């Protein structure tokens, strides 16, 4: 019985973290888009310096890693449901 309660608690915590991660990823994606647009429309137009490129690349990698991590947790959650059925 205690094991079932712990499993339900773990499932709830994973789902809550996935929702929070989705919100953070959405905001980070919007921030990345805004950063790219802001940097491109500043003079000199369509040219980015090294610091701007590093900032964009770092934020892009953050979003990609977050998406991959989220995808892995989705698969884990799906597999745990399939084994519990």
N, C-alpha and C. Protein backbone atom coordinates (compact mmCIF):
# COMPACT_ATOMS: atom_id res chain seq x y z
N UNK A 1 0.82 -1.19 0.00
CA UNK A 1 0.00 0.00 0.00
C UNK A 1 0.87 1.27 0.00
N UNK A 2 1.87 1.28 0.86
CA UNK A 2 2.77 2.43 0.92
C UNK A 2 3.50 2.61 -0.41
N UNK A 3 3.87 1.49 -1.04
CA UNK A 3 4.54 1.55 -2.34
C UNK A 3 3.65 2.20 -3.39
N UNK A 4 2.37 1.88 -3.40
CA UNK A 4 1.43 2.49 -4.35
C UNK A 4 1.29 3.99 -4.12
N UNK A 5 1.25 4.39 -2.86
CA UNK A 5 1.16 5.82 -2.53
C UNK A 5 2.41 6.54 -3.01
N UNK A 6 3.57 5.94 -2.79
CA UNK A 6 4.83 6.55 -3.24
C UNK A 6 4.89 6.63 -4.77
N UNK A 7 4.40 5.63 -5.45
CA UNK A 7 4.38 5.65 -6.92
C UNK A 7 3.47 6.76 -7.43
N UNK A 8 2.30 6.93 -6.81
CA UNK A 8 1.39 8.00 -7.21
C UNK A 8 2.00 9.36 -6.93
N UNK A 9 2.68 9.50 -5.80
CA UNK A 9 3.34 10.75 -5.47
C UNK A 9 4.45 11.05 -6.48
N UNK A 10 5.23 10.05 -6.82
CA UNK A 10 6.31 10.22 -7.80
C UNK A 10 5.74 10.62 -9.16
N UNK A 11 4.66 9.99 -9.58
CA UNK A 11 4.02 10.31 -10.85
C UNK A 11 3.51 11.75 -10.85
N UNK A 12 2.90 12.17 -9.74
CA UNK A 12 2.41 13.54 -9.63
C UNK A 12 3.55 14.54 -9.70
N UNK A 13 4.65 14.26 -9.01
CA UNK A 13 5.80 15.17 -9.01
C UNK A 13 6.41 15.27 -10.41
N UNK A 14 6.51 14.16 -11.11
CA UNK A 14 7.05 14.18 -12.47
C UNK A 14 6.15 15.01 -13.38
N UNK A 15 4.85 14.82 -13.27
CA UNK A 15 3.93 15.60 -14.09
C UNK A 15 4.00 17.08 -13.77
N UNK A 16 4.11 17.43 -12.48
CA UNK A 16 4.21 18.83 -12.09
C UNK A 16 5.51 19.44 -12.64
N UNK A 17 6.61 18.71 -12.55
CA UNK A 17 7.88 19.20 -13.08
C UNK A 17 7.83 19.34 -14.60
N UNK A 18 7.12 18.43 -15.28
CA UNK A 18 7.01 18.52 -16.73
C UNK A 18 6.21 19.76 -17.14
N UNK A 19 5.17 20.08 -16.39
CA UNK A 19 4.39 21.28 -16.68
C UNK A 19 5.25 22.53 -16.48
N UNK A 20 5.99 22.56 -15.38
CA UNK A 20 6.86 23.71 -15.13
C UNK A 20 7.94 23.82 -16.19
N UNK A 21 8.51 22.67 -16.61
CA UNK A 21 9.53 22.69 -17.65
C UNK A 21 8.95 23.18 -18.97
N UNK A 22 7.73 22.79 -19.28
CA UNK A 22 7.08 23.26 -20.51
C UNK A 22 6.90 24.77 -20.48
N UNK A 23 6.53 25.31 -19.33
CA UNK A 23 6.36 26.77 -19.20
C UNK A 23 7.70 27.46 -19.39
N UNK A 24 8.74 26.95 -18.74
CA UNK A 24 10.07 27.55 -18.86
C UNK A 24 10.57 27.47 -20.29
N UNK A 25 10.35 26.34 -20.95
CA UNK A 25 10.79 26.19 -22.34
C UNK A 25 10.05 27.15 -23.26
N UNK A 26 8.77 27.33 -23.04
CA UNK A 26 8.01 28.28 -23.83
C UNK A 26 8.52 29.71 -23.65
N UNK A 27 8.78 30.09 -22.40
CA UNK A 27 9.31 31.43 -22.14
C UNK A 27 10.72 31.60 -22.71
N UNK A 28 11.55 30.56 -22.59
CA UNK A 28 12.91 30.63 -23.14
C UNK A 28 12.88 30.73 -24.66
N UNK A 29 11.94 30.05 -25.30
CA UNK A 29 11.81 30.13 -26.76
C UNK A 29 11.38 31.53 -27.18
N UNK A 30 10.43 32.12 -26.46
CA UNK A 30 10.03 33.49 -26.75
C UNK A 30 11.19 34.46 -26.54
N UNK A 31 11.95 34.24 -25.47
CA UNK A 31 13.11 35.08 -25.20
C UNK A 31 14.15 34.95 -26.31
N UNK A 32 14.36 33.74 -26.78
CA UNK A 32 15.31 33.52 -27.88
C UNK A 32 14.85 34.24 -29.14
N UNK A 33 13.58 34.12 -29.48
CA UNK A 33 13.05 34.82 -30.65
C UNK A 33 13.20 36.32 -30.53
N UNK A 34 12.87 36.85 -29.35
CA UNK A 34 13.00 38.28 -29.12
C UNK A 34 14.46 38.72 -29.24
N UNK A 35 15.37 37.94 -28.69
CA UNK A 35 16.79 38.27 -28.74
C UNK A 35 17.31 38.29 -30.17
N UNK A 36 16.91 37.32 -30.97
CA UNK A 36 17.34 37.28 -32.37
C UNK A 36 16.80 38.49 -33.13
N UNK A 37 15.52 38.78 -32.97
CA UNK A 37 14.92 39.92 -33.67
C UNK A 37 15.59 41.22 -33.22
N UNK A 38 15.77 41.38 -31.92
CA UNK A 38 16.36 42.61 -31.38
C UNK A 38 17.79 42.81 -31.91
N UNK A 39 18.58 41.73 -31.94
CA UNK A 39 19.96 41.84 -32.39
C UNK A 39 20.06 42.08 -33.90
N UNK A 40 19.13 41.53 -34.66
CA UNK A 40 19.20 41.68 -36.12
C UNK A 40 18.77 43.09 -36.57
N UNK A 41 17.81 43.70 -35.87
CA UNK A 41 17.32 45.00 -36.33
C UNK A 41 18.15 46.17 -35.82
N UNK A 42 19.13 45.90 -34.96
CA UNK A 42 20.02 46.98 -34.51
C UNK A 42 21.12 47.20 -35.54
N UNK A 43 21.50 48.45 -35.74
CA UNK A 43 22.61 48.69 -36.68
C UNK A 43 23.90 48.06 -36.15
N UNK A 44 24.74 47.50 -36.93
CA UNK A 44 24.62 47.23 -38.36
C UNK A 44 23.63 46.10 -38.59
N UNK A 45 22.72 46.31 -39.51
CA UNK A 45 21.61 45.39 -39.73
C UNK A 45 22.09 44.03 -40.23
N UNK A 46 21.45 42.98 -39.72
CA UNK A 46 21.70 41.58 -40.10
C UNK A 46 23.11 41.11 -39.79
N UNK A 47 23.86 41.85 -38.99
CA UNK A 47 25.20 41.43 -38.58
C UNK A 47 25.23 41.30 -37.07
N UNK A 48 25.81 40.20 -36.60
CA UNK A 48 25.90 39.95 -35.17
C UNK A 48 27.36 39.87 -34.78
N UNK A 49 27.71 40.44 -33.62
CA UNK A 49 29.07 40.28 -33.16
C UNK A 49 29.21 38.98 -32.37
N UNK A 50 30.41 38.69 -31.93
CA UNK A 50 30.70 37.41 -31.27
C UNK A 50 29.88 37.26 -29.98
N UNK A 51 29.78 38.32 -29.19
CA UNK A 51 29.02 38.23 -27.94
C UNK A 51 27.54 37.95 -28.19
N UNK A 52 26.97 38.57 -29.21
CA UNK A 52 25.57 38.31 -29.54
C UNK A 52 25.39 36.88 -30.02
N UNK A 53 26.31 36.39 -30.84
CA UNK A 53 26.23 35.02 -31.32
C UNK A 53 26.33 34.02 -30.17
N UNK A 54 27.25 34.27 -29.24
CA UNK A 54 27.40 33.38 -28.09
C UNK A 54 26.15 33.38 -27.21
N UNK A 55 25.55 34.55 -27.02
CA UNK A 55 24.33 34.64 -26.22
C UNK A 55 23.19 33.88 -26.90
N UNK A 56 23.04 34.05 -28.20
CA UNK A 56 21.99 33.35 -28.95
C UNK A 56 22.24 31.85 -28.93
N UNK A 57 23.49 31.45 -29.17
CA UNK A 57 23.81 30.03 -29.19
C UNK A 57 23.57 29.39 -27.82
N UNK A 58 23.96 30.08 -26.75
CA UNK A 58 23.74 29.55 -25.40
C UNK A 58 22.27 29.36 -25.09
N UNK A 59 21.46 30.34 -25.45
CA UNK A 59 20.02 30.23 -25.20
C UNK A 59 19.39 29.15 -26.07
N UNK A 60 19.86 29.04 -27.31
CA UNK A 60 19.37 28.00 -28.21
C UNK A 60 19.68 26.61 -27.65
N UNK A 61 20.90 26.43 -27.16
CA UNK A 61 21.27 25.14 -26.58
C UNK A 61 20.46 24.84 -25.32
N UNK A 62 20.17 25.86 -24.53
CA UNK A 62 19.34 25.67 -23.35
C UNK A 62 17.96 25.14 -23.73
N UNK A 63 17.37 25.71 -24.78
CA UNK A 63 16.05 25.28 -25.23
C UNK A 63 16.12 23.85 -25.78
N UNK A 64 17.13 23.55 -26.59
CA UNK A 64 17.25 22.21 -27.18
C UNK A 64 17.45 21.16 -26.10
N UNK A 65 18.33 21.43 -25.14
CA UNK A 65 18.56 20.47 -24.05
C UNK A 65 17.29 20.28 -23.23
N UNK A 66 16.57 21.36 -22.97
CA UNK A 66 15.31 21.25 -22.23
C UNK A 66 14.29 20.42 -22.97
N UNK A 67 14.19 20.58 -24.28
CA UNK A 67 13.25 19.79 -25.08
C UNK A 67 13.64 18.32 -25.05
N UNK A 68 14.93 18.04 -25.18
CA UNK A 68 15.39 16.64 -25.14
C UNK A 68 15.12 16.02 -23.77
N UNK A 69 15.40 16.75 -22.72
CA UNK A 69 15.14 16.25 -21.37
C UNK A 69 13.65 16.00 -21.16
N UNK A 70 12.84 16.93 -21.61
CA UNK A 70 11.40 16.77 -21.50
C UNK A 70 10.92 15.56 -22.28
N UNK A 71 11.46 15.36 -23.46
CA UNK A 71 11.09 14.20 -24.27
C UNK A 71 11.46 12.89 -23.60
N UNK A 72 12.63 12.85 -22.96
CA UNK A 72 13.04 11.65 -22.25
C UNK A 72 12.12 11.35 -21.08
N UNK A 73 11.70 12.38 -20.36
CA UNK A 73 10.80 12.16 -19.24
C UNK A 73 9.41 11.74 -19.72
N UNK A 74 8.98 12.26 -20.87
CA UNK A 74 7.70 11.83 -21.43
C UNK A 74 7.74 10.34 -21.75
N UNK A 75 8.86 9.89 -22.34
CA UNK A 75 8.99 8.46 -22.66
C UNK A 75 9.02 7.63 -21.39
N UNK A 76 9.75 8.10 -20.36
CA UNK A 76 9.81 7.37 -19.10
C UNK A 76 8.44 7.25 -18.46
N UNK A 77 7.69 8.36 -18.48
CA UNK A 77 6.35 8.35 -17.90
C UNK A 77 5.44 7.42 -18.68
N UNK A 78 5.54 7.44 -20.01
CA UNK A 78 4.73 6.56 -20.84
C UNK A 78 5.09 5.10 -20.59
N UNK A 79 6.38 4.79 -20.49
CA UNK A 79 6.80 3.42 -20.23
C UNK A 79 6.36 2.94 -18.86
N UNK A 80 6.37 3.81 -17.86
CA UNK A 80 5.94 3.39 -16.52
C UNK A 80 4.44 3.12 -16.50
N UNK A 81 3.67 3.85 -17.31
CA UNK A 81 2.24 3.57 -17.42
C UNK A 81 2.00 2.24 -18.10
N UNK A 82 2.78 1.96 -19.13
CA UNK A 82 2.58 0.71 -19.88
C UNK A 82 2.93 -0.49 -19.02
N UNK A 83 3.96 -0.37 -18.17
CA UNK A 83 4.33 -1.51 -17.34
C UNK A 83 3.39 -1.69 -16.16
N UNK A 84 2.71 -0.61 -15.74
CA UNK A 84 1.79 -0.74 -14.61
C UNK A 84 0.42 -1.27 -15.03
N UNK A 85 0.15 -1.29 -16.33
CA UNK A 85 -1.16 -1.78 -16.78
C UNK A 85 -1.23 -3.24 -16.79
